[in-house]
Amino acid sequence: MSSATPTPSNVVLIGKKPVMNYVLAALTLLNQGVSEIVIKARGRAISKAVDT
């Protein structure tokens, strides 16, 4: 059984998808009026999150 907590709406989780998917997710949040966006990544995806 998983005890995962729900992700807040201002968080973009970086993974294996193309970079533009995450850029569009961040832009969508900005257009919705979110004042702060948190970009999170783990493992090999950290370099993708930092470099982009």
PDB file of N, CA and C in Angstrom:
ATOM      1  N   MET A   1       0.824  -1.172   0.000  1.00  0.00           N
ATOM      2  CA  MET A   1       0.000   0.000   0.000  1.00  0.00           C
ATOM      3  C   MET A   1       0.876   1.246   0.000  1.00  0.00           C
ATOM      4  N   SER A   2       0.593   2.190  -0.831  1.00  0.00           N
ATOM      5  CA  SER A   2       1.387   3.400  -0.950  1.00  0.00           C
ATOM      6  C   SER A   2       0.856   4.486  -0.021  1.00  0.00           C
ATOM      7  N   SER A   3       1.769   5.162   0.643  1.00  0.00           N
ATOM      8  CA  SER A   3       1.381   6.266   1.511  1.00  0.00           C
ATOM      9  C   SER A   3       1.901   7.586   0.956  1.00  0.00           C
ATOM     10  N   ALA A   4       1.862   7.738  -0.355  1.00  0.00           N
ATOM     11  CA  ALA A   4       2.354   8.944  -1.008  1.00  0.00           C
ATOM     12  C   ALA A   4       1.432  10.116  -0.710  1.00  0.00           C
ATOM     13  N   THR A   5       2.058  11.258  -0.498  1.00  0.00           N
ATOM     14  CA  THR A   5       1.273  12.465  -0.260  1.00  0.00           C
ATOM     15  C   THR A   5       1.024  13.153  -1.592  1.00  0.00           C
ATOM     16  N   PRO A   6      -0.081  13.858  -1.730  1.00  0.00           N
ATOM     17  CA  PRO A   6      -0.362  14.543  -2.993  1.00  0.00           C
ATOM     18  C   PRO A   6       0.641  15.671  -3.246  1.00  0.00           C
ATOM     19  N   THR A   7       0.975  15.866  -4.512  1.00  0.00           N
ATOM     20  CA  THR A   7       1.915  16.905  -4.905  1.00  0.00           C
ATOM     21  C   THR A   7       1.204  18.252  -4.953  1.00  0.00           C
ATOM     22  N   PRO A   8       1.804  19.292  -4.372  1.00  0.00           N
ATOM     23  CA  PRO A   8       1.190  20.626  -4.465  1.00  0.00           C
ATOM     24  C   PRO A   8       1.058  21.073  -5.915  1.00  0.00           C
ATOM     25  N   SER A   9       0.138  21.965  -6.172  1.00  0.00           N
ATOM     26  CA  SER A   9      -0.160  22.358  -7.551  1.00  0.00           C
ATOM     27  C   SER A   9       0.918  23.233  -8.179  1.00  0.00           C
ATOM     28  N   ASN A  10       1.861  23.758  -7.402  1.00  0.00           N
ATOM     29  CA  ASN A  10       2.893  24.612  -7.980  1.00  0.00           C
ATOM     30  C   ASN A  10       4.208  23.874  -8.205  1.00  0.00           C
ATOM     31  N   VAL A  11       4.187  22.545  -8.192  1.00  0.00           N
ATOM     32  CA  VAL A  11       5.399  21.740  -8.348  1.00  0.00           C
ATOM     33  C   VAL A  11       5.416  21.082  -9.719  1.00  0.00           C
ATOM     34  N   VAL A  12       6.568  21.189 -10.410  1.00  0.00           N
ATOM     35  CA  VAL A  12       6.785  20.493 -11.678  1.00  0.00           C
ATOM     36  C   VAL A  12       7.857  19.437 -11.407  1.00  0.00           C
ATOM     37  N   LEU A  13       7.483  18.172 -11.555  1.00  0.00           N
ATOM     38  CA  LEU A  13       8.411  17.068 -11.325  1.00  0.00           C
ATOM     39  C   LEU A  13       9.079  16.677 -12.640  1.00  0.00           C
ATOM     40  N   ILE A  14      10.404  16.729 -12.671  1.00  0.00           N
ATOM     41  CA  ILE A  14      11.170  16.432 -13.879  1.00  0.00           C
ATOM     42  C   ILE A  14      11.474  14.940 -13.919  1.00  0.00           C
ATOM     43  N   GLY A  15      11.287  14.340 -15.099  1.00  0.00           N
ATOM     44  CA  GLY A  15      11.534  12.911 -15.266  1.00  0.00           C
ATOM     45  C   GLY A  15      12.126  12.608 -16.624  1.00  0.00           C
ATOM     46  N   LYS A  16      11.564  11.602 -17.315  1.00  0.00           N
ATOM     47  CA  LYS A  16      12.119  11.115 -18.579  1.00  0.00           C
ATOM     48  C   LYS A  16      11.495  11.735 -19.822  1.00  0.00           C
ATOM     49  N   LYS A  17      10.472  12.531 -19.676  1.00  0.00           N
ATOM     50  CA  LYS A  17       9.797  13.116 -20.836  1.00  0.00           C
ATOM     51  C   LYS A  17      10.665  14.204 -21.465  1.00  0.00           C
ATOM     52  N   PRO A  18      10.338  14.618 -22.687  1.00  0.00           N
ATOM     53  CA  PRO A  18      11.101  15.699 -23.324  1.00  0.00           C
ATOM     54  C   PRO A  18      11.018  16.999 -22.519  1.00  0.00           C
ATOM     55  N   VAL A  19      12.066  17.800 -22.605  1.00  0.00           N
ATOM     56  CA  VAL A  19      12.175  19.031 -21.824  1.00  0.00           C
ATOM     57  C   VAL A  19      11.008  19.980 -22.084  1.00  0.00           C
ATOM     58  N   MET A  20      10.542  20.072 -23.323  1.00  0.00           N
ATOM     59  CA  MET A  20       9.468  21.014 -23.642  1.00  0.00           C
ATOM     60  C   MET A  20       8.189  20.709 -22.871  1.00  0.00           C
ATOM     61  N   ASN A  21       7.944  19.472 -22.515  1.00  0.00           N
ATOM     62  CA  ASN A  21       6.765  19.140 -21.704  1.00  0.00           C
ATOM     63  C   ASN A  21       6.819  19.857 -20.358  1.00  0.00           C
ATOM     64  N   TYR A  22       8.000  19.908 -19.756  1.00  0.00           N
ATOM     65  CA  TYR A  22       8.150  20.553 -18.453  1.00  0.00           C
ATOM     66  C   TYR A  22       8.115  22.072 -18.590  1.00  0.00           C
ATOM     67  N   VAL A  23       8.671  22.590 -19.672  1.00  0.00           N
ATOM     68  CA  VAL A  23       8.608  24.035 -19.920  1.00  0.00           C
ATOM     69  C   VAL A  23       7.159  24.462 -20.093  1.00  0.00           C
ATOM     70  N   LEU A  24       6.394  23.711 -20.861  1.00  0.00           N
ATOM     71  CA  LEU A  24       4.980  24.041 -21.054  1.00  0.00           C
ATOM     72  C   LEU A  24       4.193  23.914 -19.750  1.00  0.00           C
ATOM     73  N   ALA A  25       4.540  22.956 -18.921  1.00  0.00           N
ATOM     74  CA  ALA A  25       3.869  22.820 -17.623  1.00  0.00           C
ATOM     75  C   ALA A  25       4.133  24.045 -16.753  1.00  0.00           C
ATOM     76  N   ALA A  26       5.370  24.530 -16.757  1.00  0.00           N
ATOM     77  CA  ALA A  26       5.708  25.723 -15.977  1.00  0.00           C
ATOM     78  C   ALA A  26       5.005  26.956 -16.540  1.00  0.00           C
ATOM     79  N   LEU A  27       4.973  27.092 -17.866  1.00  0.00           N
ATOM     80  CA  LEU A  27       4.281  28.231 -18.479  1.00  0.00           C
ATOM     81  C   LEU A  27       2.789  28.200 -18.186  1.00  0.00           C
ATOM     82  N   THR A  28       2.208  27.027 -18.192  1.00  0.00           N
ATOM     83  CA  THR A  28       0.786  26.898 -17.872  1.00  0.00           C
ATOM     84  C   THR A  28       0.514  27.359 -16.446  1.00  0.00           C
ATOM     85  N   LEU A  29       1.385  26.972 -15.521  1.00  0.00           N
ATOM     86  CA  LEU A  29       1.217  27.415 -14.135  1.00  0.00           C
ATOM     87  C   LEU A  29       1.334  28.931 -14.021  1.00  0.00           C
ATOM     88  N   LEU A  30       2.292  29.517 -14.741  1.00  0.00           N
ATOM     89  CA  LEU A  30       2.446  30.975 -14.711  1.00  0.00           C
ATOM     90  C   LEU A  30       1.216  31.671 -15.277  1.00  0.00           C
ATOM     91  N   ASN A  31       0.670  31.135 -16.357  1.00  0.00           N
ATOM     92  CA  ASN A  31      -0.527  31.725 -16.956  1.00  0.00           C
ATOM     93  C   ASN A  31      -1.743  31.601 -16.049  1.00  0.00           C
ATOM     94  N   GLN A  32      -1.751  30.608 -15.168  1.00  0.00           N
ATOM     95  CA  GLN A  32      -2.851  30.434 -14.223  1.00  0.00           C
ATOM     96  C   GLN A  32      -2.735  31.380 -13.036  1.00  0.00           C
ATOM     97  N   GLY A  33      -1.639  32.121 -12.958  1.00  0.00           N
ATOM     98  CA  GLY A  33      -1.472  33.094 -11.889  1.00  0.00           C
ATOM     99  C   GLY A  33      -0.679  32.608 -10.694  1.00  0.00           C
ATOM    100  N   VAL A  34      -0.013  31.463 -10.817  1.00  0.00           N
ATOM    101  CA  VAL A  34       0.813  30.962  -9.718  1.00  0.00           C
ATOM    102  C   VAL A  34       2.030  31.873  -9.585  1.00  0.00           C
ATOM    103  N   SER A  35       2.300  32.342  -8.380  1.00  0.00           N
ATOM    104  CA  SER A  35       3.402  33.286  -8.188  1.00  0.00           C
ATOM    105  C   SER A  35       4.751  32.599  -7.999  1.00  0.00           C
ATOM    106  N   GLU A  36       4.747  31.331  -7.631  1.00  0.00           N
ATOM    107  CA  GLU A  36       5.993  30.606  -7.402  1.00  0.00           C
ATOM    108  C   GLU A  36       5.865  29.183  -7.926  1.00  0.00           C
ATOM    109  N   ILE A  37       6.886  28.746  -8.681  1.00  0.00           N
ATOM    110  CA  ILE A  37       6.909  27.387  -9.219  1.00  0.00           C
ATOM    111  C   ILE A  37       8.118  26.670  -8.637  1.00  0.00           C
ATOM    112  N   VAL A  38       7.910  25.457  -8.167  1.00  0.00           N
ATOM    113  CA  VAL A  38       8.985  24.635  -7.627  1.00  0.00           C
ATOM    114  C   VAL A  38       9.275  23.536  -8.640  1.00  0.00           C
ATOM    115  N   ILE A  39      10.549  23.432  -9.052  1.00  0.00           N
ATOM    116  CA  ILE A  39      10.962  22.396  -9.999  1.00  0.00           C
ATOM    117  C   ILE A  39      11.749  21.353  -9.219  1.00  0.00           C
ATOM    118  N   LYS A  40      11.273  20.103  -9.250  1.00  0.00           N
ATOM    119  CA  LYS A  40      11.910  19.028  -8.497  1.00  0.00           C
ATOM    120  C   LYS A  40      12.361  17.925  -9.445  1.00  0.00           C
ATOM    121  N   ALA A  41      13.510  17.331  -9.115  1.00  0.00           N
ATOM    122  CA  ALA A  41      14.029  16.208  -9.900  1.00  0.00           C
ATOM    123  C   ALA A  41      14.832  15.306  -8.977  1.00  0.00           C
ATOM    124  N   ARG A  42      14.959  14.044  -9.392  1.00  0.00           N
ATOM    125  CA  ARG A  42      15.747  13.070  -8.642  1.00  0.00           C
ATOM    126  C   ARG A  42      16.659  12.326  -9.601  1.00  0.00           C
ATOM    127  N   GLY A  43      17.800  11.907  -9.099  1.00  0.00           N
ATOM    128  CA  GLY A  43      18.707  11.070  -9.875  1.00  0.00           C
ATOM    129  C   GLY A  43      19.240  11.753 -11.120  1.00  0.00           C
ATOM    130  N   ARG A  44      19.176  11.040 -12.234  1.00  0.00           N
ATOM    131  CA  ARG A  44      19.715  11.558 -13.491  1.00  0.00           C
ATOM    132  C   ARG A  44      18.943  12.749 -14.028  1.00  0.00           C
ATOM    133  N   ALA A  45      17.720  12.924 -13.598  1.00  0.00           N
ATOM    134  CA  ALA A  45      16.899  14.034 -14.077  1.00  0.00           C
ATOM    135  C   ALA A  45      17.334  15.370 -13.483  1.00  0.00           C
ATOM    136  N   ILE A  46      18.178  15.354 -12.448  1.00  0.00           N
ATOM    137  CA  ILE A  46      18.623  16.604 -11.837  1.00  0.00           C
ATOM    138  C   ILE A  46      19.360  17.460 -12.854  1.00  0.00           C
ATOM    139  N   SER A  47      20.220  16.861 -13.665  1.00  0.00           N
ATOM    140  CA  SER A  47      20.961  17.642 -14.660  1.00  0.00           C
ATOM    141  C   SER A  47      20.019  18.256 -15.684  1.00  0.00           C
ATOM    142  N   LYS A  48      18.957  17.558 -16.027  1.00  0.00           N
ATOM    143  CA  LYS A  48      17.972  18.101 -16.963  1.00  0.00           C
ATOM    144  C   LYS A  48      17.257  19.302 -16.342  1.00  0.00           C
ATOM    145  N   ALA A  49      16.928  19.220 -15.074  1.00  0.00           N
ATOM    146  CA  ALA A  49      16.221  20.300 -14.388  1.00  0.00           C
ATOM    147  C   ALA A  49      17.112  21.526 -14.218  1.00  0.00           C
ATOM    148  N   VAL A  50      18.386  21.313 -13.947  1.00  0.00           N
ATOM    149  CA  VAL A  50      19.302  22.424 -13.697  1.00  0.00           C
ATOM    150  C   VAL A  50      19.752  23.073 -14.997  1.00  0.00           C
ATOM    151  N   ASP A  51      20.053  22.293 -16.012  1.00  0.00           N
ATOM    152  CA  ASP A  51      20.602  22.817 -17.259  1.00  0.00           C
ATOM    153  C   ASP A  51      19.566  23.508 -18.128  1.00  0.00           C
ATOM    154  N   THR A  52      18.307  23.209 -17.948  1.00  0.00           N
ATOM    155  CA  THR A  52      17.282  23.738 -18.840  1.00  0.00           C
ATOM    156  C   THR A  52      16.704  25.015 -18.346  1.00  0.00           C
TER     157      THR A  52
END
